[in-house]
């Protein structure tokens, strides 16, 4: 299945990022979160770079924290520079969006009770972009 890098700010995006990680893994995908995957002794920036370089797509969890985070911005820009598919998920209605993602279609994850519908849309979006049928 797909290797998916999840870019998020720990300050306010971690709950959604963890839920996405769990649900994507349950569907047979390989989600990657920095906190879950980096050992304490490893050089975190090289691990993140390698994970982005090796992913099929980057899922950008957009929150106020991710807009302010230089690390999140760097992750997103590296993915774009490397020609990776970037899928922006708007997790907070008031969150600002980086200029380099302004033109992209956002999936709205601002309402908790709509998560299942939005998650299905995310899977469809990824499948259409890659031509790969995702596991049910």
N, C-alpha and C. Protein backbone atom coordinates (compact mmCIF):
# COMPACT_ATOMS: atom_id res chain seq x y z
N UNK A 1 0.83 -1.18 0.00
CA UNK A 1 0.00 0.00 0.00
C UNK A 1 0.88 1.25 0.00
N UNK A 2 0.30 2.37 0.32
CA UNK A 2 1.00 3.65 0.19
C UNK A 2 1.78 4.00 1.46
N UNK A 3 2.90 4.66 1.23
CA UNK A 3 3.69 5.24 2.30
C UNK A 3 3.29 6.70 2.40
N UNK A 4 2.78 7.10 3.57
CA UNK A 4 2.21 8.43 3.74
C UNK A 4 2.87 9.16 4.90
N UNK A 5 3.47 10.30 4.62
CA UNK A 5 4.09 11.13 5.65
C UNK A 5 3.01 12.08 6.18
N UNK A 6 2.83 12.10 7.49
CA UNK A 6 1.85 13.00 8.09
C UNK A 6 2.59 14.15 8.75
N UNK A 7 2.40 15.34 8.19
CA UNK A 7 3.01 16.57 8.71
C UNK A 7 1.98 17.26 9.61
N UNK A 8 2.37 17.55 10.86
CA UNK A 8 1.44 18.15 11.81
C UNK A 8 2.23 18.89 12.88
N UNK A 9 1.56 19.80 13.56
CA UNK A 9 2.15 20.48 14.71
C UNK A 9 1.70 19.78 15.97
N UNK A 10 2.65 19.42 16.81
CA UNK A 10 2.31 18.73 18.05
C UNK A 10 1.40 19.57 18.94
N UNK A 11 1.55 20.88 18.89
CA UNK A 11 0.79 21.77 19.77
C UNK A 11 -0.72 21.63 19.61
N UNK A 12 -1.18 21.44 18.37
CA UNK A 12 -2.63 21.40 18.18
C UNK A 12 -3.10 20.43 17.09
N UNK A 13 -2.20 19.72 16.47
CA UNK A 13 -2.58 18.79 15.42
C UNK A 13 -2.38 17.32 15.75
N UNK A 14 -1.80 17.05 16.90
CA UNK A 14 -1.46 15.67 17.23
C UNK A 14 -2.66 14.73 17.36
N UNK A 15 -3.77 15.13 17.98
CA UNK A 15 -4.89 14.18 18.07
C UNK A 15 -5.37 13.70 16.69
N UNK A 16 -5.53 14.62 15.75
CA UNK A 16 -5.96 14.22 14.40
C UNK A 16 -4.88 13.41 13.71
N UNK A 17 -3.63 13.81 13.85
CA UNK A 17 -2.53 13.07 13.21
C UNK A 17 -2.48 11.63 13.71
N UNK A 18 -2.65 11.43 15.01
CA UNK A 18 -2.64 10.07 15.59
C UNK A 18 -3.83 9.25 15.09
N UNK A 19 -4.98 9.87 14.98
CA UNK A 19 -6.16 9.15 14.49
C UNK A 19 -5.97 8.76 13.03
N UNK A 20 -5.44 9.67 12.23
CA UNK A 20 -5.15 9.34 10.83
C UNK A 20 -4.14 8.21 10.74
N UNK A 21 -3.10 8.28 11.56
CA UNK A 21 -2.08 7.22 11.56
C UNK A 21 -2.73 5.86 11.83
N UNK A 22 -3.55 5.80 12.86
CA UNK A 22 -4.22 4.55 13.24
C UNK A 22 -5.13 4.04 12.11
N UNK A 23 -5.95 4.93 11.57
CA UNK A 23 -6.92 4.52 10.56
C UNK A 23 -6.26 4.16 9.23
N UNK A 24 -5.23 4.88 8.87
CA UNK A 24 -4.51 4.55 7.63
C UNK A 24 -3.79 3.21 7.77
N UNK A 25 -3.18 2.96 8.93
CA UNK A 25 -2.51 1.69 9.16
C UNK A 25 -3.51 0.53 9.14
N UNK A 26 -4.70 0.77 9.69
CA UNK A 26 -5.74 -0.27 9.69
C UNK A 26 -6.16 -0.62 8.27
N UNK A 27 -5.97 0.29 7.34
CA UNK A 27 -6.30 0.05 5.92
C UNK A 27 -5.12 -0.51 5.14
N UNK A 28 -4.03 -0.81 5.83
CA UNK A 28 -2.88 -1.43 5.18
C UNK A 28 -1.83 -0.46 4.67
N UNK A 29 -1.99 0.82 4.95
CA UNK A 29 -1.02 1.81 4.52
C UNK A 29 0.11 1.92 5.52
N UNK A 30 1.12 2.67 5.16
CA UNK A 30 2.27 2.87 6.03
C UNK A 30 2.38 4.35 6.38
N UNK A 31 1.62 4.81 7.36
CA UNK A 31 1.72 6.21 7.77
C UNK A 31 2.98 6.43 8.59
N UNK A 32 3.55 7.62 8.47
CA UNK A 32 4.78 7.96 9.17
C UNK A 32 4.58 9.25 9.96
N UNK A 33 4.76 9.16 11.27
CA UNK A 33 4.73 10.32 12.16
C UNK A 33 6.10 10.50 12.77
N UNK A 34 6.58 11.72 12.84
CA UNK A 34 7.92 11.95 13.37
C UNK A 34 8.09 11.44 14.80
N UNK A 35 7.15 11.69 15.65
CA UNK A 35 7.29 11.28 17.05
C UNK A 35 7.31 9.75 17.18
N UNK A 36 6.53 9.07 16.37
CA UNK A 36 6.42 7.62 16.48
C UNK A 36 7.61 6.89 15.86
N UNK A 37 8.23 7.49 14.89
CA UNK A 37 9.22 6.76 14.10
C UNK A 37 10.68 7.07 14.42
N UNK A 38 10.98 8.16 15.10
CA UNK A 38 12.37 8.55 15.33
C UNK A 38 12.84 8.08 16.70
N UNK A 39 13.90 7.33 16.70
CA UNK A 39 14.52 6.89 17.95
C UNK A 39 15.25 8.08 18.57
N UNK A 40 15.37 8.09 19.88
CA UNK A 40 15.96 9.22 20.60
C UNK A 40 17.37 9.55 20.13
N UNK A 41 18.13 8.56 19.75
CA UNK A 41 19.53 8.79 19.37
C UNK A 41 19.72 9.16 17.90
N UNK A 42 18.66 9.12 17.11
CA UNK A 42 18.78 9.39 15.69
C UNK A 42 18.74 10.89 15.39
N UNK A 43 19.39 11.27 14.30
CA UNK A 43 19.35 12.66 13.85
C UNK A 43 17.98 12.90 13.23
N UNK A 44 17.14 13.69 13.91
CA UNK A 44 15.74 13.82 13.49
C UNK A 44 15.58 14.44 12.13
N UNK A 45 16.41 15.40 11.78
CA UNK A 45 16.20 16.04 10.48
C UNK A 45 16.48 15.09 9.33
N UNK A 46 17.49 14.26 9.45
CA UNK A 46 17.79 13.28 8.39
C UNK A 46 16.70 12.23 8.28
N UNK A 47 16.16 11.82 9.43
CA UNK A 47 15.07 10.85 9.42
C UNK A 47 13.83 11.42 8.74
N UNK A 48 13.52 12.67 9.05
CA UNK A 48 12.37 13.32 8.42
C UNK A 48 12.60 13.46 6.92
N UNK A 49 13.78 13.91 6.53
CA UNK A 49 14.10 14.05 5.10
C UNK A 49 13.96 12.73 4.38
N UNK A 50 14.49 11.67 4.98
CA UNK A 50 14.39 10.35 4.36
C UNK A 50 12.96 9.86 4.25
N UNK A 51 12.16 10.13 5.28
CA UNK A 51 10.76 9.71 5.25
C UNK A 51 9.98 10.47 4.18
N UNK A 52 10.25 11.75 4.03
CA UNK A 52 9.58 12.52 2.98
C UNK A 52 10.03 12.05 1.61
N UNK A 53 11.32 11.86 1.45
CA UNK A 53 11.85 11.42 0.15
C UNK A 53 11.29 10.07 -0.27
N UNK A 54 10.99 9.21 0.71
CA UNK A 54 10.50 7.87 0.41
C UNK A 54 8.99 7.72 0.41
N UNK A 55 8.26 8.78 0.71
CA UNK A 55 6.81 8.65 0.80
C UNK A 55 6.15 8.76 -0.57
N UNK A 56 4.95 8.24 -0.65
CA UNK A 56 4.13 8.39 -1.86
C UNK A 56 3.37 9.71 -1.84
N UNK A 57 3.01 10.17 -0.63
CA UNK A 57 2.29 11.43 -0.48
C UNK A 57 2.51 11.97 0.92
N UNK A 58 2.39 13.29 1.04
CA UNK A 58 2.46 13.95 2.34
C UNK A 58 1.07 14.49 2.67
N UNK A 59 0.59 14.15 3.85
CA UNK A 59 -0.68 14.66 4.34
C UNK A 59 -0.35 15.80 5.29
N UNK A 60 -0.78 17.01 4.95
CA UNK A 60 -0.49 18.20 5.76
C UNK A 60 -1.70 18.52 6.62
N UNK A 61 -1.57 18.30 7.92
CA UNK A 61 -2.64 18.63 8.88
C UNK A 61 -2.48 20.11 9.20
N UNK A 62 -3.37 20.94 8.66
CA UNK A 62 -3.24 22.38 8.78
C UNK A 62 -4.00 22.92 9.98
N UNK A 63 -3.22 23.51 10.89
CA UNK A 63 -3.73 24.12 12.11
C UNK A 63 -3.01 25.45 12.30
N UNK A 64 -3.41 26.20 13.31
CA UNK A 64 -2.67 27.43 13.61
C UNK A 64 -1.22 27.10 13.96
N UNK A 65 -1.03 26.00 14.67
CA UNK A 65 0.32 25.58 15.04
C UNK A 65 1.17 25.21 13.85
N UNK A 66 0.60 24.53 12.87
CA UNK A 66 1.39 24.13 11.70
C UNK A 66 1.75 25.34 10.84
N UNK A 67 0.86 26.35 10.81
CA UNK A 67 1.16 27.56 10.06
C UNK A 67 2.35 28.29 10.68
N UNK A 68 2.43 28.28 12.01
CA UNK A 68 3.52 28.95 12.71
C UNK A 68 4.81 28.13 12.77
N UNK A 69 4.72 26.82 12.51
CA UNK A 69 5.87 25.93 12.66
C UNK A 69 6.78 25.93 11.43
N UNK A 70 8.02 26.31 11.64
CA UNK A 70 8.99 26.26 10.55
C UNK A 70 9.26 24.83 10.12
N UNK A 71 9.20 23.89 11.05
CA UNK A 71 9.43 22.49 10.70
C UNK A 71 8.31 21.97 9.79
N UNK A 72 7.06 22.28 10.13
CA UNK A 72 5.95 21.85 9.27
C UNK A 72 6.08 22.47 7.88
N UNK A 73 6.39 23.74 7.82
CA UNK A 73 6.56 24.40 6.53
C UNK A 73 7.70 23.76 5.73
N UNK A 74 8.80 23.46 6.41
CA UNK A 74 9.92 22.82 5.73
C UNK A 74 9.54 21.45 5.19
N UNK A 75 8.79 20.68 5.99
CA UNK A 75 8.34 19.36 5.53
C UNK A 75 7.49 19.48 4.27
N UNK A 76 6.54 20.39 4.31
CA UNK A 76 5.63 20.57 3.17
C UNK A 76 6.39 21.04 1.93
N UNK A 77 7.29 21.99 2.11
CA UNK A 77 8.04 22.50 0.97
C UNK A 77 9.00 21.46 0.40
N UNK A 78 9.61 20.65 1.26
CA UNK A 78 10.48 19.59 0.76
C UNK A 78 9.67 18.61 -0.10
N UNK A 79 8.50 18.24 0.39
CA UNK A 79 7.65 17.31 -0.37
C UNK A 79 7.31 17.89 -1.74
N UNK A 80 6.94 19.16 -1.78
CA UNK A 80 6.63 19.80 -3.06
C UNK A 80 7.85 19.84 -3.97
N UNK A 81 9.00 20.19 -3.41
CA UNK A 81 10.23 20.26 -4.20
C UNK A 81 10.63 18.89 -4.76
N UNK A 82 10.33 17.84 -4.01
CA UNK A 82 10.66 16.48 -4.44
C UNK A 82 9.58 15.89 -5.34
N UNK A 83 8.57 16.67 -5.67
CA UNK A 83 7.51 16.21 -6.57
C UNK A 83 6.52 15.25 -5.92
N UNK A 84 6.42 15.30 -4.60
CA UNK A 84 5.48 14.43 -3.89
C UNK A 84 4.09 15.05 -3.91
N UNK A 85 3.10 14.21 -3.87
CA UNK A 85 1.73 14.70 -3.76
C UNK A 85 1.54 15.22 -2.34
N UNK A 86 0.98 16.41 -2.22
CA UNK A 86 0.68 17.00 -0.91
C UNK A 86 -0.83 17.15 -0.82
N UNK A 87 -1.40 16.59 0.24
CA UNK A 87 -2.84 16.64 0.45
C UNK A 87 -3.08 17.47 1.72
N UNK A 88 -3.57 18.71 1.57
CA UNK A 88 -3.82 19.54 2.75
C UNK A 88 -5.16 19.19 3.41
N UNK A 89 -5.11 18.98 4.72
CA UNK A 89 -6.31 18.73 5.50
C UNK A 89 -6.51 19.92 6.44
N UNK A 90 -7.58 20.64 6.27
CA UNK A 90 -7.86 21.78 7.13
C UNK A 90 -8.47 21.26 8.43
N UNK A 91 -7.70 21.32 9.50
CA UNK A 91 -8.12 20.77 10.78
C UNK A 91 -8.73 21.81 11.72
N UNK A 92 -8.49 23.08 11.44
CA UNK A 92 -9.07 24.17 12.22
C UNK A 92 -9.58 25.21 11.23
N UNK A 93 -10.84 25.58 11.38
CA UNK A 93 -11.45 26.53 10.44
C UNK A 93 -10.70 27.85 10.38
N UNK A 94 -10.15 28.29 11.50
CA UNK A 94 -9.46 29.59 11.55
C UNK A 94 -7.98 29.50 11.20
N UNK A 95 -7.49 28.32 10.91
CA UNK A 95 -6.07 28.17 10.61
C UNK A 95 -5.71 28.87 9.30
N UNK A 96 -4.61 29.58 9.32
CA UNK A 96 -4.13 30.21 8.10
C UNK A 96 -3.44 29.14 7.27
N UNK A 97 -3.28 29.43 5.98
CA UNK A 97 -2.68 28.47 5.06
C UNK A 97 -1.41 29.05 4.47
N UNK A 98 -0.37 28.24 4.35
CA UNK A 98 0.86 28.74 3.72
C UNK A 98 0.59 29.12 2.27
N UNK A 99 1.24 30.16 1.81
CA UNK A 99 1.06 30.66 0.46
C UNK A 99 1.24 29.57 -0.59
N UNK A 100 2.22 28.71 -0.40
CA UNK A 100 2.52 27.68 -1.40
C UNK A 100 1.47 26.57 -1.45
N UNK A 101 0.51 26.56 -0.51
CA UNK A 101 -0.59 25.59 -0.54
C UNK A 101 -1.93 26.25 -0.86
N UNK A 102 -1.96 27.56 -1.01
CA UNK A 102 -3.21 28.30 -1.22
C UNK A 102 -4.04 27.78 -2.38
N UNK A 103 -3.40 27.39 -3.46
CA UNK A 103 -4.12 27.00 -4.67
C UNK A 103 -4.67 25.57 -4.63
N UNK A 104 -4.31 24.81 -3.62
CA UNK A 104 -4.70 23.41 -3.56
C UNK A 104 -6.09 23.21 -2.97
N UNK A 105 -6.70 22.11 -3.35
CA UNK A 105 -7.99 21.71 -2.79
C UNK A 105 -7.76 21.17 -1.38
N UNK A 106 -8.53 21.66 -0.43
CA UNK A 106 -8.41 21.22 0.96
C UNK A 106 -9.52 20.25 1.30
N UNK A 107 -9.21 19.28 2.12
CA UNK A 107 -10.23 18.41 2.69
C UNK A 107 -10.51 18.94 4.09
N UNK A 108 -11.77 19.18 4.38
CA UNK A 108 -12.15 19.78 5.65
C UNK A 108 -12.30 18.77 6.77
N UNK A 109 -11.41 18.83 7.74
CA UNK A 109 -11.45 17.96 8.91
C UNK A 109 -11.73 18.80 10.16
N UNK A 110 -12.52 19.86 10.00
CA UNK A 110 -12.78 20.76 11.13
C UNK A 110 -13.89 20.28 12.04
N UNK A 111 -14.76 19.40 11.56
CA UNK A 111 -15.88 18.90 12.35
C UNK A 111 -15.64 17.43 12.72
N UNK A 112 -15.52 17.17 14.01
CA UNK A 112 -15.21 15.82 14.48
C UNK A 112 -16.25 14.80 14.05
N UNK A 113 -17.53 15.19 14.01
CA UNK A 113 -18.58 14.23 13.67
C UNK A 113 -18.60 13.90 12.18
N UNK A 114 -17.83 14.60 11.37
CA UNK A 114 -17.75 14.32 9.92
C UNK A 114 -16.47 13.56 9.57
N UNK A 115 -15.74 13.09 10.58
CA UNK A 115 -14.45 12.46 10.33
C UNK A 115 -14.55 11.28 9.36
N UNK A 116 -15.50 10.38 9.58
CA UNK A 116 -15.59 9.19 8.74
C UNK A 116 -15.81 9.55 7.27
N UNK A 117 -16.66 10.53 7.03
CA UNK A 117 -16.91 10.98 5.66
C UNK A 117 -15.65 11.60 5.06
N UNK A 118 -14.99 12.45 5.81
CA UNK A 118 -13.77 13.11 5.32
C UNK A 118 -12.64 12.11 5.11
N UNK A 119 -12.55 11.12 5.99
CA UNK A 119 -11.51 10.09 5.84
C UNK A 119 -11.74 9.31 4.54
N UNK A 120 -12.98 8.98 4.25
CA UNK A 120 -13.30 8.29 2.99
C UNK A 120 -12.93 9.16 1.79
N UNK A 121 -13.18 10.46 1.89
CA UNK A 121 -12.79 11.39 0.82
C UNK A 121 -11.28 11.44 0.65
N UNK A 122 -10.56 11.39 1.77
CA UNK A 122 -9.09 11.37 1.72
C UNK A 122 -8.61 10.13 0.97
N UNK A 123 -9.15 8.98 1.31
CA UNK A 123 -8.76 7.75 0.62
C UNK A 123 -9.08 7.82 -0.87
N UNK A 124 -10.25 8.35 -1.21
CA UNK A 124 -10.63 8.52 -2.62
C UNK A 124 -9.68 9.46 -3.34
N UNK A 125 -9.34 10.57 -2.69
CA UNK A 125 -8.44 11.55 -3.27
C UNK A 125 -7.07 10.93 -3.57
N UNK A 126 -6.56 10.20 -2.61
CA UNK A 126 -5.26 9.55 -2.80
C UNK A 126 -5.33 8.49 -3.89
N UNK A 127 -6.41 7.76 -3.93
CA UNK A 127 -6.57 6.71 -4.94
C UNK A 127 -6.67 7.29 -6.35
N UNK A 128 -7.41 8.37 -6.51
CA UNK A 128 -7.54 8.99 -7.81
C UNK A 128 -6.22 9.56 -8.31
N UNK A 129 -5.45 10.08 -7.40
CA UNK A 129 -4.17 10.68 -7.79
C UNK A 129 -3.16 9.63 -8.21
N UNK A 130 -3.23 8.47 -7.59
CA UNK A 130 -2.22 7.45 -7.86
C UNK A 130 -2.69 6.36 -8.81
N UNK A 131 -4.00 6.26 -8.96
CA UNK A 131 -4.53 5.17 -9.77
C UNK A 131 -4.50 3.85 -9.04
N UNK A 132 -4.26 3.88 -7.74
CA UNK A 132 -4.20 2.67 -6.93
C UNK A 132 -5.51 2.49 -6.20
N UNK A 133 -6.04 1.30 -6.19
CA UNK A 133 -7.26 1.00 -5.42
C UNK A 133 -6.85 0.73 -3.98
N UNK A 134 -7.40 1.48 -3.05
CA UNK A 134 -7.07 1.32 -1.64
C UNK A 134 -7.93 0.22 -1.03
N UNK A 135 -7.37 -0.47 -0.07
CA UNK A 135 -8.09 -1.55 0.61
C UNK A 135 -9.27 -1.01 1.39
N UNK A 136 -10.36 -1.75 1.44
CA UNK A 136 -11.53 -1.35 2.23
C UNK A 136 -11.31 -1.72 3.69
